[in-house]
Amino acid sequence: MRSKNIRIDTAFMGYGHYKIVVTYSGFIKEAISGDMDLIRRLKSEDKKEREEATAEAIAYVESQSL
């Protein structure tokens, strides 16, 4: 699943929870997370930090989608 066409979106749900939506190859998977550090890192200006957070977010959403 590690392709260049992966898109990650976040949306505030309330009470410190965010919906994380991972879209790739026509598939959409989503999960709710309260991990504010992960959300912050997904929006980081530091490319390396953002890439690491992206991998972590994908793994999290995959684990929640089983």
Foldseek 3Di string as FASTA:
>chain_A
DPDPAWDWDWDDDDPQKIKIWIDDPRDIFIDIDNPVVLVDQCVDPPPVSNVVSVVVSVVVRVVVVD
